[in-house]
Structure formats: C-alpha cells, structure tokens
Amino acid sequence: MTGASLVLPYSVLDCKYWCTDNYDKNYCCGPPGRTYPPYTERSGKCPPVRASCTGVRSLLPKLCPHDCACDFPSKCFYDACVEHYVCKTPDFY
C-alpha cells in the first residue's frame, strides 16, 4: 500500500472500547459488533517511535484496543503514523 493511511473513527454511540492517543485525546478504538478476549497486559516494551512516517506499508496494520486483541506475542501500541493503536512486536530489554 502506498500513500497515507486513513483510519475512519467508529460511531461513538456503538463504541465498546476507548483508547487514548499521544495527545491524551480519547477515541473509539474497537469496531461495533466485535468482541475481544478479556484484557490482559503482555510483557515487553513499546518499540521506539519512528522519526518520520513514510506512508508506505507492505501490510495493513492490525488495529486493536488492547494486547489480547493481537496474536501472541504482539502487543497493542499507539502508532503516531496510523493515529490508532496497532499490533506490534514488543521490545524485550
């Protein structure tokens, strides 16, 4: 995929999961009608924030409201380029 990514917000009325972005602004981060496993925090630290956004991705990111919405061992981190929480491989240091 090339170009900038666009993540459309979900309807506030139908929202089940709320997340906070890098500016402490709340937004709906779980699609209506989708149920996720119960929240459990996985180990690992957030990878370093990218210095710039290229707008080029080989795969679409998997959006998530919390760690257990991601395939193990990935965790749910806020991505400033996508402007949404996405599943990423954590750093273990």
Protein backbone atom coordinates (compact mmCIF):
# COMPACT_ATOMS: atom_id res chain seq x y z
CA MET A 1 0.00 0.00 0.00
CA THR A 2 1.34 3.42 -0.81
CA GLY A 3 0.19 6.81 0.32
CA ALA A 4 -1.12 7.93 3.67
CA SER A 5 -3.26 5.61 5.75
CA LEU A 6 -6.72 6.72 6.75
CA VAL A 7 -8.45 5.24 9.78
CA LEU A 8 -12.09 6.16 9.98
CA PRO A 9 -13.46 6.60 13.51
CA TYR A 10 -16.20 4.29 14.68
CA SER A 11 -19.55 5.65 15.78
CA VAL A 12 -19.38 6.98 19.34
CA LEU A 13 -22.79 5.51 20.12
CA ASP A 14 -21.70 1.98 19.13
CA CYS A 15 -18.25 2.11 20.75
CA LYS A 16 -17.22 -0.66 23.18
CA TYR A 17 -13.52 0.16 23.54
CA TRP A 18 -11.98 3.58 24.16
CA CYS A 19 -8.29 4.39 23.71
CA THR A 20 -6.18 7.50 24.33
CA ASP A 21 -3.87 8.91 21.66
CA ASN A 22 -0.48 10.59 22.16
CA TYR A 23 -2.26 13.88 22.95
CA ASP A 24 -4.44 12.32 25.72
CA LYS A 25 -7.50 12.56 23.45
CA ASN A 26 -9.99 9.67 23.73
CA TYR A 27 -11.21 7.93 20.59
CA CYS A 28 -13.18 4.79 19.77
CA CYS A 29 -10.70 2.00 19.00
CA GLY A 30 -12.96 -1.06 18.77
CA PRO A 31 -15.36 -1.71 15.91
CA PRO A 32 -19.04 -2.16 16.77
CA GLY A 33 -20.17 -5.78 16.94
CA ARG A 34 -16.66 -7.15 17.52
CA THR A 35 -15.85 -8.84 20.82
CA TYR A 36 -12.28 -9.24 22.04
CA PRO A 37 -10.82 -11.54 24.72
CA PRO A 38 -10.61 -10.07 28.23
CA TYR A 39 -7.84 -7.53 28.81
CA THR A 40 -4.52 -8.92 29.99
CA GLU A 41 -1.28 -6.97 29.67
CA ARG A 42 1.54 -8.84 27.96
CA SER A 43 5.22 -8.38 28.75
CA GLY A 44 7.52 -6.23 26.64
CA LYS A 45 8.13 -2.55 25.98
CA CYS A 46 6.89 -0.32 23.20
CA PRO A 47 9.24 -0.18 20.20
CA PRO A 48 10.88 3.20 19.53
CA VAL A 49 8.65 5.81 17.92
CA ARG A 50 9.54 6.36 14.27
CA ALA A 51 11.25 9.65 13.48
CA SER A 52 9.13 10.06 10.34
CA CYS A 53 6.17 8.45 8.60
CA THR A 54 6.90 7.10 5.13
CA GLY A 55 3.28 6.42 4.18
CA VAL A 56 4.44 3.12 2.62
CA ARG A 57 3.45 -0.21 4.17
CA SER A 58 3.79 -3.76 2.93
CA LEU A 59 0.81 -4.90 5.05
CA LEU A 60 -2.16 -3.13 6.55
CA PRO A 61 -1.72 -2.77 10.31
CA LYS A 62 -3.99 -4.78 12.60
CA LEU A 63 -5.97 -2.30 14.70
CA CYS A 64 -6.50 -3.19 18.36
CA PRO A 65 -8.00 -1.87 21.62
CA HIS A 66 -5.64 -3.89 23.91
CA ASP A 67 -2.89 -6.54 23.94
CA CYS A 68 -5.15 -9.62 23.82
CA ALA A 69 -6.67 -8.44 20.53
CA CYS A 70 -3.24 -9.14 18.97
CA ASP A 71 -1.75 -12.50 18.00
CA PHE A 72 0.81 -13.67 20.59
CA PRO A 73 3.45 -12.35 21.28
CA SER A 74 2.44 -8.99 19.75
CA LYS A 75 1.18 -6.13 21.92
CA CYS A 76 -1.13 -3.22 21.21
CA PHE A 77 0.76 0.10 20.89
CA TYR A 78 -0.25 3.55 19.68
CA ASP A 79 1.22 4.29 16.25
CA ALA A 80 1.56 8.02 15.59
CA CYS A 81 1.73 7.46 11.83
CA VAL A 82 -1.51 5.44 11.68
CA GLU A 83 -3.06 7.51 14.51
CA HIS A 84 -4.51 4.39 16.09
CA TYR A 85 -3.44 1.52 18.34
CA VAL A 86 -1.99 -1.33 16.25
CA CYS A 87 -0.43 -4.72 16.96
CA LYS A 88 3.38 -4.63 17.01
CA THR A 89 6.22 -6.86 18.15
CA PRO A 90 7.38 -5.62 21.57
CA ASP A 91 10.97 -4.98 22.61
CA PHE A 92 12.29 -7.07 25.50
CA TYR A 93 15.05 -5.10 27.23
